[in-house]
Amino acid sequence: TVTSNIYLGLEKSFSAGGGLITGGLVGQAIATVFLGLTIAKKDSTLFNDINRKKMLILGKKYKKFPIYDLPAYTAFTIYTNVAVIFFNKFFDSSIAGFYFLASRLIQVPVTLFSKSFSDVFYQKISQETSNEVISKELNYYSLKIAKLAIVPFLIIVYSSNLYVEFIFGQEWKDLYKYIVLLSIPSLFKLIFSPYTHVLKIINKQEVSAYLHLTRLLLTSVFFIS
């Protein structure tokens, strides 16, 4: 992605903490600009079909999405990045840099796959009305991902001590320790990616919001205390 390419480049020019965070911010800004330009160029005609009546009907039908998904995603974004902020406060900035880079190296490919898969799977499974069929589909694809991904994922992670120093330089030679520590949650995220939109499918977005807000609260309490 644009973001990952930029922060990996900037980490060579700045300190461990500052370069990575600056790279992430710059990457997000540039990616947003490119997305806006792409929409303006290729999909501008879509705006011609928008009318007030249609917006009100769809707004009423999908009102749970802005009410619950927005705070849920906001909470998710905060608690997935809050660790770096607190690491900088309580530990040396190099530790925050190691944590941030290791987290990104794992999360970027995992998120790319899980989001792409879950979005396509969501379109397929949202047409089902039977909870039994939905449950079978979720279990089937999760098991299939586990069979295909566990072995190569663990090989790449647990052999990272052989290549991180070569790729990033001697000052990053301990990066593999952070990669190993952060790998297990990412592996579970990969395996259970079919479940990402399950609460939307059964129209229970409020449960997702409560879970994310609770996790944000617990994460904040953990670091503050």
C-alpha atoms as a PDB file:
ATOM      1  CA  THR A   1       0.000   0.000   0.000  1.00  0.00           C
ATOM      2  CA  VAL A   2       1.002   3.629  -0.300  1.00  0.00           C
ATOM      3  CA  THR A   3       1.146   4.038   3.461  1.00  0.00           C
ATOM      4  CA  SER A   4       3.380   1.051   4.093  1.00  0.00           C
ATOM      5  CA  ASN A   5       5.806   1.957   1.300  1.00  0.00           C
ATOM      6  CA  ILE A   6       6.253   5.498   2.599  1.00  0.00           C
ATOM      7  CA  TYR A   7       6.759   4.715   6.257  1.00  0.00           C
ATOM      8  CA  LEU A   8       9.234   1.941   5.395  1.00  0.00           C
ATOM      9  CA  GLY A   9      11.174   4.515   3.396  1.00  0.00           C
ATOM     10  CA  LEU A  10      11.043   7.258   6.006  1.00  0.00           C
ATOM     11  CA  GLU A  11      12.184   5.003   8.820  1.00  0.00           C
ATOM     12  CA  LYS A  12      15.631   5.075   7.198  1.00  0.00           C
ATOM     13  CA  SER A  13      15.759   8.859   7.443  1.00  0.00           C
ATOM     14  CA  PHE A  14      14.405   9.533  10.943  1.00  0.00           C
ATOM     15  CA  SER A  15      14.585   8.058  14.408  1.00  0.00           C
ATOM     16  CA  ALA A  16      12.808   4.749  15.026  1.00  0.00           C
ATOM     17  CA  GLY A  17       9.720   6.262  16.599  1.00  0.00           C
ATOM     18  CA  GLY A  18       9.443   9.552  14.747  1.00  0.00           C
ATOM     19  CA  GLY A  19      10.227   8.269  11.267  1.00  0.00           C
ATOM     20  CA  LEU A  20       7.680   5.467  11.389  1.00  0.00           C
ATOM     21  CA  ILE A  21       4.887   7.617  12.782  1.00  0.00           C
ATOM     22  CA  THR A  22       5.656  10.437  10.329  1.00  0.00           C
ATOM     23  CA  GLY A  23       5.743   7.944   7.473  1.00  0.00           C
ATOM     24  CA  GLY A  24       2.392   6.532   8.516  1.00  0.00           C
ATOM     25  CA  LEU A  25       0.758   9.974   8.614  1.00  0.00           C
ATOM     26  CA  VAL A  26       2.235  11.047   5.270  1.00  0.00           C
ATOM     27  CA  GLY A  27       1.256   7.732   3.684  1.00  0.00           C
ATOM     28  CA  GLN A  28      -2.332   7.997   4.885  1.00  0.00           C
ATOM     29  CA  ALA A  29      -2.605  11.577   3.593  1.00  0.00           C
ATOM     30  CA  ILE A  30      -1.258  10.682   0.143  1.00  0.00           C
ATOM     31  CA  ALA A  31      -3.427   7.552  -0.075  1.00  0.00           C
ATOM     32  CA  THR A  32      -6.504   9.660   0.736  1.00  0.00           C
ATOM     33  CA  VAL A  33      -5.634  12.187  -1.970  1.00  0.00           C
ATOM     34  CA  PHE A  34      -5.136   9.424  -4.560  1.00  0.00           C
ATOM     35  CA  LEU A  35      -8.458   7.833  -3.573  1.00  0.00           C
ATOM     36  CA  GLY A  36     -10.266  11.171  -3.953  1.00  0.00           C
ATOM     37  CA  LEU A  37      -8.727  11.782  -7.379  1.00  0.00           C
ATOM     38  CA  THR A  38      -9.607   8.262  -8.541  1.00  0.00           C
ATOM     39  CA  ILE A  39     -13.238   8.660  -7.490  1.00  0.00           C
ATOM     40  CA  ALA A  40     -13.462  12.095  -9.139  1.00  0.00           C
ATOM     41  CA  LYS A  41     -12.014  10.718 -12.379  1.00  0.00           C
ATOM     42  CA  LYS A  42     -13.691   7.327 -12.738  1.00  0.00           C
ATOM     43  CA  ASP A  43     -16.854   7.403 -10.654  1.00  0.00           C
ATOM     44  CA  SER A  44     -18.042  11.011 -10.878  1.00  0.00           C
ATOM     45  CA  THR A  45     -21.162   9.948 -12.815  1.00  0.00           C
ATOM     46  CA  LEU A  46     -22.404   8.047  -9.761  1.00  0.00           C
ATOM     47  CA  PHE A  47     -23.228  11.358  -8.089  1.00  0.00           C
ATOM     48  CA  ASN A  48     -25.792  12.087 -10.813  1.00  0.00           C
ATOM     49  CA  ASP A  49     -28.092   9.331  -9.500  1.00  0.00           C
ATOM     50  CA  ILE A  50     -28.266  10.729  -5.966  1.00  0.00           C
ATOM     51  CA  ASN A  51     -31.544  12.303  -4.887  1.00  0.00           C
ATOM     52  CA  ARG A  52     -32.933  13.388  -1.514  1.00  0.00           C
ATOM     53  CA  LYS A  53     -35.796  10.889  -1.375  1.00  0.00           C
ATOM     54  CA  LYS A  54     -33.535   7.946  -2.127  1.00  0.00           C
ATOM     55  CA  MET A  55     -31.026   9.118   0.465  1.00  0.00           C
ATOM     56  CA  LEU A  56     -33.733   9.313   3.159  1.00  0.00           C
ATOM     57  CA  ILE A  57     -35.038   5.826   2.353  1.00  0.00           C
ATOM     58  CA  LEU A  58     -31.589   4.251   2.417  1.00  0.00           C
ATOM     59  CA  GLY A  59     -30.595   6.275   5.485  1.00  0.00           C
ATOM     60  CA  LYS A  60     -33.563   4.885   7.407  1.00  0.00           C
ATOM     61  CA  LYS A  61     -32.885   1.342   6.205  1.00  0.00           C
ATOM     62  CA  TYR A  62     -29.189   1.373   7.107  1.00  0.00           C
ATOM     63  CA  LYS A  63     -29.284   3.749  10.077  1.00  0.00           C
ATOM     64  CA  LYS A  64     -27.393   1.312  12.297  1.00  0.00           C
ATOM     65  CA  PHE A  65     -24.249   1.688  10.201  1.00  0.00           C
ATOM     66  CA  PRO A  66     -23.460   5.337  11.107  1.00  0.00           C
ATOM     67  CA  ILE A  67     -24.906   5.006  14.610  1.00  0.00           C
ATOM     68  CA  TYR A  68     -22.882   1.956  15.651  1.00  0.00           C
ATOM     69  CA  ASP A  69     -20.201   1.297  13.006  1.00  0.00           C
ATOM     70  CA  LEU A  70     -18.698   4.776  13.235  1.00  0.00           C
ATOM     71  CA  PRO A  71     -17.945   4.654  17.003  1.00  0.00           C
ATOM     72  CA  ALA A  72     -16.898   1.004  16.669  1.00  0.00           C
ATOM     73  CA  TYR A  73     -14.371   1.768  13.930  1.00  0.00           C
ATOM     74  CA  THR A  74     -13.154   4.866  15.785  1.00  0.00           C
ATOM     75  CA  ALA A  75     -12.570   2.810  18.937  1.00  0.00           C
ATOM     76  CA  PHE A  76     -10.830   0.107  16.884  1.00  0.00           C
ATOM     77  CA  THR A  77      -8.498   2.645  15.278  1.00  0.00           C
ATOM     78  CA  ILE A  78      -7.620   4.199  18.639  1.00  0.00           C
ATOM     79  CA  TYR A  79      -6.875   1.009  20.569  1.00  0.00           C
ATOM     80  CA  THR A  80      -4.853  -0.498  17.711  1.00  0.00           C
ATOM     81  CA  ASN A  81      -2.579   2.570  17.689  1.00  0.00           C
ATOM     82  CA  VAL A  82      -2.671   3.652  21.329  1.00  0.00           C
ATOM     83  CA  ALA A  83       0.089   1.206  22.280  1.00  0.00           C
ATOM     84  CA  VAL A  84       2.673   3.191  20.291  1.00  0.00           C
ATOM     85  CA  ILE A  85       1.706   6.411  22.080  1.00  0.00           C
ATOM     86  CA  PHE A  86       2.020   4.831  25.524  1.00  0.00           C
ATOM     87  CA  PHE A  87       5.189   2.966  24.555  1.00  0.00           C
ATOM     88  CA  ASN A  88       6.768   6.324  23.716  1.00  0.00           C
ATOM     89  CA  LYS A  89       5.647   7.683  27.078  1.00  0.00           C
ATOM     90  CA  PHE A  90       6.800   4.845  29.323  1.00  0.00           C
ATOM     91  CA  PHE A  91       9.637   3.268  27.330  1.00  0.00           C
ATOM     92  CA  ASP A  92      12.512   4.277  25.099  1.00  0.00           C
ATOM     93  CA  SER A  93      11.441   5.556  21.680  1.00  0.00           C
ATOM     94  CA  SER A  94      13.343   2.727  19.995  1.00  0.00           C
ATOM     95  CA  ILE A  95      11.031   0.192  21.659  1.00  0.00           C
ATOM     96  CA  ALA A  96       8.023   2.027  20.258  1.00  0.00           C
ATOM     97  CA  GLY A  97       9.711   1.991  16.859  1.00  0.00           C
ATOM     98  CA  PHE A  98      10.327  -1.764  17.036  1.00  0.00           C
ATOM     99  CA  TYR A  99       6.744  -2.392  18.129  1.00  0.00           C
ATOM    100  CA  PHE A 100       5.249  -0.138  15.451  1.00  0.00           C
ATOM    101  CA  LEU A 101       7.301  -1.551  12.571  1.00  0.00           C
ATOM    102  CA  ALA A 102       6.783  -5.177  13.653  1.00  0.00           C
ATOM    103  CA  SER A 103       3.066  -4.548  14.002  1.00  0.00           C
ATOM    104  CA  ARG A 104       2.862  -2.997  10.545  1.00  0.00           C
ATOM    105  CA  LEU A 105       4.958  -5.707   8.879  1.00  0.00           C
ATOM    106  CA  ILE A 106       2.549  -8.327  10.171  1.00  0.00           C
ATOM    107  CA  GLN A 107      -0.705  -6.402   9.900  1.00  0.00           C
ATOM    108  CA  VAL A 108      -0.312  -4.995   6.380  1.00  0.00           C
ATOM    109  CA  PRO A 109      -0.369  -8.357   4.516  1.00  0.00           C
ATOM    110  CA  VAL A 110      -2.815  -9.907   7.012  1.00  0.00           C
ATOM    111  CA  THR A 111      -5.196  -6.947   6.802  1.00  0.00           C
ATOM    112  CA  LEU A 112      -4.879  -6.804   3.006  1.00  0.00           C
ATOM    113  CA  PHE A 113      -5.921 -10.438   2.703  1.00  0.00           C
ATOM    114  CA  SER A 114      -8.542 -10.481   5.465  1.00  0.00           C
ATOM    115  CA  LYS A 115     -10.221  -7.270   4.280  1.00  0.00           C
ATOM    116  CA  SER A 116     -10.261  -8.339   0.622  1.00  0.00           C
ATOM    117  CA  PHE A 117     -11.615 -11.757   1.514  1.00  0.00           C
ATOM    118  CA  SER A 118     -14.141 -10.549   4.091  1.00  0.00           C
ATOM    119  CA  ASP A 119     -15.540  -7.884   1.744  1.00  0.00           C
ATOM    120  CA  VAL A 120     -16.112 -10.409  -1.054  1.00  0.00           C
ATOM    121  CA  PHE A 121     -17.414 -12.989   1.413  1.00  0.00           C
ATOM    122  CA  TYR A 122     -19.765 -10.389   2.906  1.00  0.00           C
ATOM    123  CA  GLN A 123     -21.373  -9.808  -0.485  1.00  0.00           C
ATOM    124  CA  LYS A 124     -21.883 -13.558  -0.885  1.00  0.00           C
ATOM    125  CA  ILE A 125     -23.109 -14.400   2.604  1.00  0.00           C
ATOM    126  CA  SER A 126     -25.366 -11.338   2.993  1.00  0.00           C
ATOM    127  CA  GLN A 127     -27.742 -12.916   0.485  1.00  0.00           C
ATOM    128  CA  GLU A 128     -28.365 -15.839   2.834  1.00  0.00           C
ATOM    129  CA  THR A 129     -31.329 -15.701   5.201  1.00  0.00           C
ATOM    130  CA  SER A 130     -30.750 -18.938   7.113  1.00  0.00           C
ATOM    131  CA  ASN A 131     -28.539 -18.644  10.208  1.00  0.00           C
ATOM    132  CA  GLU A 132     -27.662 -22.321   9.859  1.00  0.00           C
ATOM    133  CA  VAL A 133     -26.313 -21.819   6.338  1.00  0.00           C
ATOM    134  CA  ILE A 134     -24.393 -18.718   7.440  1.00  0.00           C
ATOM    135  CA  SER A 135     -22.824 -20.644  10.333  1.00  0.00           C
ATOM    136  CA  LYS A 136     -21.762 -23.510   8.056  1.00  0.00           C
ATOM    137  CA  GLU A 137     -20.230 -21.106   5.526  1.00  0.00           C
ATOM    138  CA  LEU A 138     -18.303 -19.243   8.229  1.00  0.00           C
ATOM    139  CA  ASN A 139     -16.892 -22.420   9.740  1.00  0.00           C
ATOM    140  CA  TYR A 140     -16.022 -23.895   6.344  1.00  0.00           C
ATOM    141  CA  TYR A 141     -14.025 -20.909   5.107  1.00  0.00           C
ATOM    142  CA  SER A 142     -12.286 -20.324   8.443  1.00  0.00           C
ATOM    143  CA  LEU A 143     -11.100 -23.936   8.485  1.00  0.00           C
ATOM    144  CA  LYS A 144      -9.975 -23.662   4.858  1.00  0.00           C
ATOM    145  CA  ILE A 145      -7.954 -20.507   5.568  1.00  0.00           C
ATOM    146  CA  ALA A 146      -6.395 -22.180   8.617  1.00  0.00           C
ATOM    147  CA  LYS A 147      -5.270 -25.191   6.556  1.00  0.00           C
ATOM    148  CA  LEU A 148      -3.739 -23.000   3.852  1.00  0.00           C
ATOM    149  CA  ALA A 149      -2.207 -20.240   5.987  1.00  0.00           C
ATOM    150  CA  ILE A 150      -0.904 -21.614   9.293  1.00  0.00           C
ATOM    151  CA  VAL A 151       2.221 -23.398   8.034  1.00  0.00           C
ATOM    152  CA  PRO A 152       3.563 -20.679   5.652  1.00  0.00           C
ATOM    153  CA  PHE A 153       2.647 -17.951   8.157  1.00  0.00           C
ATOM    154  CA  LEU A 154       4.585 -19.611  10.982  1.00  0.00           C
ATOM    155  CA  ILE A 155       7.555 -20.336   8.722  1.00  0.00           C
ATOM    156  CA  ILE A 156       7.785 -16.688   7.638  1.00  0.00           C
ATOM    157  CA  VAL A 157       7.393 -15.420  11.212  1.00  0.00           C
ATOM    158  CA  TYR A 158       9.739 -17.807  12.996  1.00  0.00           C
ATOM    159  CA  SER A 159      12.448 -17.491  10.364  1.00  0.00           C
ATOM    160  CA  SER A 160      12.347 -13.680  10.522  1.00  0.00           C
ATOM    161  CA  ASN A 161      15.605 -13.641  12.524  1.00  0.00           C
ATOM    162  CA  LEU A 162      17.326 -14.787   9.324  1.00  0.00           C
ATOM    163  CA  TYR A 163      16.289 -11.845   7.145  1.00  0.00           C
ATOM    164  CA  VAL A 164      15.235  -8.756   9.161  1.00  0.00           C
ATOM    165  CA  GLU A 165      18.801  -7.576   9.709  1.00  0.00           C
ATOM    166  CA  PHE A 166      19.588  -8.003   6.007  1.00  0.00           C
ATOM    167  CA  ILE A 167      16.505  -6.011   4.940  1.00  0.00           C
ATOM    168  CA  PHE A 168      16.435  -3.240   7.550  1.00  0.00           C
ATOM    169  CA  GLY A 169      20.024  -3.019   8.764  1.00  0.00           C
ATOM    170  CA  GLN A 170      21.917  -4.007  11.875  1.00  0.00           C
ATOM    171  CA  GLU A 171      20.127  -1.505  14.125  1.00  0.00           C
ATOM    172  CA  TRP A 172      16.893  -3.477  13.556  1.00  0.00           C
ATOM    173  CA  LYS A 173      18.355  -6.940  14.266  1.00  0.00           C
ATOM    174  CA  ASP A 174      16.064  -7.465  17.314  1.00  0.00           C
ATOM    175  CA  LEU A 175      12.949  -6.714  15.286  1.00  0.00           C
ATOM    176  CA  TYR A 176      12.222 -10.416  14.841  1.00  0.00           C
ATOM    177  CA  LYS A 177      11.478 -10.750  18.585  1.00  0.00           C
ATOM    178  CA  TYR A 178       8.617  -8.277  18.267  1.00  0.00           C
ATOM    179  CA  ILE A 179       7.393  -9.970  15.078  1.00  0.00           C
ATOM    180  CA  VAL A 180       7.182 -13.314  16.871  1.00  0.00           C
ATOM    181  CA  LEU A 181       5.369 -11.820  19.881  1.00  0.00           C
ATOM    182  CA  LEU A 182       2.790 -10.038  17.729  1.00  0.00           C
ATOM    183  CA  SER A 183       2.265 -12.865  15.255  1.00  0.00           C
ATOM    184  CA  ILE A 184      -0.276 -15.006  17.148  1.00  0.00           C
ATOM    185  CA  PRO A 185      -3.067 -12.349  17.359  1.00  0.00           C
ATOM    186  CA  SER A 186      -2.542 -11.607  13.656  1.00  0.00           C
ATOM    187  CA  LEU A 187      -2.777 -15.314  12.815  1.00  0.00           C
ATOM    188  CA  PHE A 188      -6.128 -15.554  14.589  1.00  0.00           C
ATOM    189  CA  LYS A 189      -7.274 -12.426  12.766  1.00  0.00           C
ATOM    190  CA  LEU A 190      -6.372 -14.098   9.475  1.00  0.00           C
ATOM    191  CA  ILE A 191      -8.120 -17.371  10.279  1.00  0.00           C
ATOM    192  CA  PHE A 192     -11.316 -15.757  11.543  1.00  0.00           C
ATOM    193  CA  SER A 193     -11.533 -13.105   8.816  1.00  0.00           C
ATOM    194  CA  PRO A 194     -14.811 -14.628   7.491  1.00  0.00           C
ATOM    195  CA  TYR A 195     -16.424 -13.546  10.771  1.00  0.00           C
ATOM    196  CA  THR A 196     -15.551  -9.861  10.256  1.00  0.00           C
ATOM    197  CA  HIS A 197     -18.984  -8.821   8.979  1.00  0.00           C
ATOM    198  CA  VAL A 198     -21.126 -11.447  10.671  1.00  0.00           C
ATOM    199  CA  LEU A 199     -22.749  -8.929  13.050  1.00  0.00           C
ATOM    200  CA  LYS A 200     -23.701  -6.736  10.091  1.00  0.00           C
ATOM    201  CA  ILE A 201     -25.264  -9.726   8.366  1.00  0.00           C
ATOM    202  CA  ILE A 202     -27.515 -10.490  11.341  1.00  0.00           C
ATOM    203  CA  ASN A 203     -28.145  -6.761  11.932  1.00  0.00           C
ATOM    204  CA  LYS A 204     -26.392  -6.635  15.315  1.00  0.00           C
ATOM    205  CA  GLN A 205     -23.960  -3.760  14.767  1.00  0.00           C
ATOM    206  CA  GLU A 206     -24.577  -2.517  18.311  1.00  0.00           C
ATOM    207  CA  VAL A 207     -22.835  -5.625  19.683  1.00  0.00           C
ATOM    208  CA  SER A 208     -19.737  -4.785  17.642  1.00  0.00           C
ATOM    209  CA  ALA A 209     -19.798  -1.205  18.949  1.00  0.00           C
ATOM    210  CA  TYR A 210     -20.042  -2.350  22.569  1.00  0.00           C
ATOM    211  CA  LEU A 211     -17.205  -4.856  22.119  1.00  0.00           C
ATOM    212  CA  HIS A 212     -14.864  -2.317  20.501  1.00  0.00           C
ATOM    213  CA  LEU A 213     -15.641   0.383  23.065  1.00  0.00           C
ATOM    214  CA  THR A 214     -15.091  -2.094  25.910  1.00  0.00           C
ATOM    215  CA  ARG A 215     -11.761  -3.156  24.448  1.00  0.00           C
ATOM    216  CA  LEU A 216     -10.735   0.497  24.100  1.00  0.00           C
ATOM    217  CA  LEU A 217     -11.634   1.096  27.757  1.00  0.00           C
ATOM    218  CA  LEU A 218      -9.723  -1.967  28.970  1.00  0.00           C
ATOM    219  CA  THR A 219      -6.679  -1.113  26.835  1.00  0.00           C
ATOM    220  CA  SER A 220      -6.606   2.469  28.142  1.00  0.00           C
ATOM    221  CA  VAL A 221      -6.993   1.328  31.750  1.00  0.00           C
ATOM    222  CA  PHE A 222      -4.187  -1.196  31.295  1.00  0.00           C
ATOM    223  CA  PHE A 223      -1.697   1.376  30.019  1.00  0.00           C
ATOM    224  CA  ILE A 224      -2.743   4.176  32.398  1.00  0.00           C
ATOM    225  CA  SER A 225      -2.610   1.971  35.469  1.00  0.00           C
END
